[in-house]
Amino acid sequence: MDTKQLIQLNDNNVMSTYGRFPISIVCGEGAKLYDEEGKEYIDFAAGIGTSSIGHAHPRLVAAVSEQAGKICHSSNLYYTEPAAKLAEILCRRGGMKKVFFANSGAEANEGAIKLARKYSSDKYGEGRGTVVSLMNSFHGRTMTTITATGQPGHHTSFYPFPTGHRYAIANDLESVQNACGSDACAVIMELVQGEGGVLPLTPEFVRDVEAFCKARDLLLILDEVQTGIGRTGRFFAFQAMGVQPDVVTFAKGVAGGLPIGGFLANETCADVLTPGTHGATFGGNPVAAAAALAVMEVLSDEVIRQVNEKGAYIREQVDGMGIPFLAQTRGLGLMIGIPVTNGKCKELAATLNGAGLLTLTAGADALRFLPPLTITRAEMDAGLAIFKKVMEEAAQ
């Protein structure tokens, strides 16, 4: 089926909830993808930060194939080895006590909010369930997580929204303190606001919020759906900031492209959720968990340490191009934002995709790079060459 036929078939039968580019991807290898006509694309998007070890990695392929040949699903009424092994690795590498497995980042954040509210209810009774999040944040598209998202543009059309949410200004401790009234139970934050524009929080602010939460017995929830699993040069971004959250959510890169997510909890609240209080039919699915185990093997501490070097190289190259409408890059590790000052961010992203470099946007005025963490220097250089050519042409 050619691309035109595929697009027509899809658009006739699938709801129009995505602003898709007219590209039909059929296969890939490493940080390269190929469409129906065999055209090559350098992947600086990685499925929105999900294909963490690239495409068709032999360890991932073997793990998924082997597990699919055994059993694909048994439900959480029974034990499976892949999920148990994955839980141990995530708790150890994250420095946390226990994990709950879900299927996506939105589910992970929703579950973390439920945990925080139950923690507060068990300890203090009713009336202490408000969750404070930051302006410009993004936490998902369920009704609860879209309400927690601090972007007014997402708060339309779906009324009534759930109650129990307030917002504070990022990197402003006083704003957080003021938002946390006597009814608050938790603060949820992204350490780098990805969808909001790749905007890092300052370590000082994060540490101050941690201290405030501990003093008030509020749970500190860190949304590491996009920053976690090596993306910022540590297994979790919080590990470079000298803080210890109560809850950490994850998804995206953990299984290299298969749907899995969840949240980790420390000793403070690891046993709050008891039988019947939360669940997920597909959570900890054996095939997804087997894929995640393969990803954990590939993403060794050494590979993750190289993420900072790769990110610094890409940022140095982009900042040195001298493109007049590109401001200085920002971000952490291989989570890179490139501010665009000419108001043509979306148009540039489309042109880059058409030229063979898959990229993303972030917020209203930034391009975003989230390449596979295993991307090679040759693949980075190939992508950067395309980027430079398109930017120079746009500057003329």
Foldseek 3Di string as FASTA:
>chain_A
DALVVVVVVCVVPPDPPDPDFSFAWDFWDFQWTATPVGDIFRELCLVVQFLQRGTPDVLLVVLLVVLVVPPFADFPVDDDDLLVVLQVVCCVQVVADGWWKAFAQLVQVVVVLLLLQLLCCVPPNPQQRAEEEEALAARDDDLQRLLQHRYVVSVPDDPDGDDRYDYAHAQDLVRVVVRRDPNYAAYEYEQFRQQSFRRGGDLVSVVSVLVVCVVSVHFYEYECQNQACLQQLGNHPVVVSPHDGQKYKYFRHQLSPGTMIIMGGHPSRRPSDDPPSDGHGCTSGVSSSSSSVSSPVVCDNVLSNCQQVVCVVLQVLVVPLPQPQWDRWDHGRSWIKIFGRPQCVVVLQSVLVVLRYHWAGHRRGIITGNTHSNHDPVSSVVSSVSSSVSSVVVSD
